[in-house]
Every structure is written in structure tokens, then in C-alpha cells.
Amino acid sequence: MYTGIVQALLPVETVERKPGLMTFSIRLPAELLPELTLGASVAINGTCFTVTTIDADQVWFDAIAETLAITNISELTVGSLVNVERSAKADAEIGGHILSGHIIGTAPVAEITDSENNRRLTFEGDPAWMKYVFTKGFLALNGASLTIAAVDGDKFSVNLIPETMKRTNFGLMQMGDRVNVEIDQQTQAVVDTVERVMAERFPAS
């Protein structure tokens, strides 16, 4: 479980690609190392990964074919800056919203609007999951819990304050860059339940 509060913006240290597998490593700062063990979970750009190797402050992860197919992890190279969050402890403050690290897909940046101390990013959503996206609802983008500012057809926008841009890789985003999307689980459950009830009560003729 994660909270959607990005704890560090860190460069990818190494990348090794094999058929159907990508192994990569990141050097974690001292504050993210305590009690980290093999098999622990860490969110990288919002994607839940299992720690496979630890060597001092350098930590390795494996991305399998399915992960590479549906996330932006496949685009990482040495030096890519990624959002990092350790899995939440039982007594953790939920500053964002509860996340699983299970990505539903990606969304490319369709528009960037900068003004003094503000940035609005607009993304092109996938019709397969846009039914779960509502104005003032929640989404996790690259692992950051964000409020949806506006929805227009299959596009949705989020507003970013300077602190968010400083702590995450959103300040680096350019047109066409893809972010990992995790839908709010409660929203998905409500929408799916309503659809099922409506289908049962008003079956198609």
C-alpha cells in the first residue's frame, strides 16, 4: 500500500535489458533505507516493484514484460528521474489517497499551461478507463496523488503547485511524455457497482 505522497525524485543508476525483462537500480537516500529488505515493495513512478538486490544504498528491481507493456518503465534510461515512495507502514499518515501501485495504463501529455507559480498538465486518457475519471476526483499519476481539475471528453487536467513540481518529475514533463495512471479504487468500485445494478434492472432489449 502507498499514500501517493512522493518521497524522493531520484535518477536511475543502471538499466539492463533482456528478452521480456528489464532490471534497473536506484540509489536511495539514507532516509529511505531503514528496514528495507529483499522482497520489500517500492513504488517507482507509481508502479509497485519488489526489491531483488540491495548493495549498500543501491537497490535493484525487475520489470517483467507485462509491466513494460502497460507502464512508462520501459522508457527509463540511465539518469531518468523517477518518483519514489516506500510502501506505507500501518501507522502512516495518508496525505494523498490509498494506492496499490497497480497501473491501469498510461496517458500522454496533451497540453502544458504555465503561469506564475502554477502549472496545469492536460492528458489524453484512454476511453477504457476514462469513465472512472471525474472532476474533483482522485488519480495517481506517476505515483503522485492528484485531484482532477477538469475533464473534457477523453482529456483530463491536473493543477500542480511549486512544491509538487519540485518533489516530482512533473516539472520536467514535455508534450507527449507518458505518465502511469492508477485509478482510485473506491471510485472504480462505485462506478462498476452502479453499472452492474443498472444492467440488471434495465437489461438491453
Foldseek 3Di string as FASTA:
>chain_A
DFQQDFDAWWFWAAWDDDVQKIKTKTFDDPVPPPPDDFQFWKAKQLATFGFHDDDPRITMTMDGNVNCVFFCPVVHDGGHIIGIDGHDDPPDDRPAHDGDNDFPHKWFFADWDDDVQKIKTKTQADPVPCVLDDQQDWKRWRSHIFGWHDDDPRMTMTMDGPVRVVRGVPVVHDGGDMITIDGDPVSVVVVVVVVVVCCVVDPDD
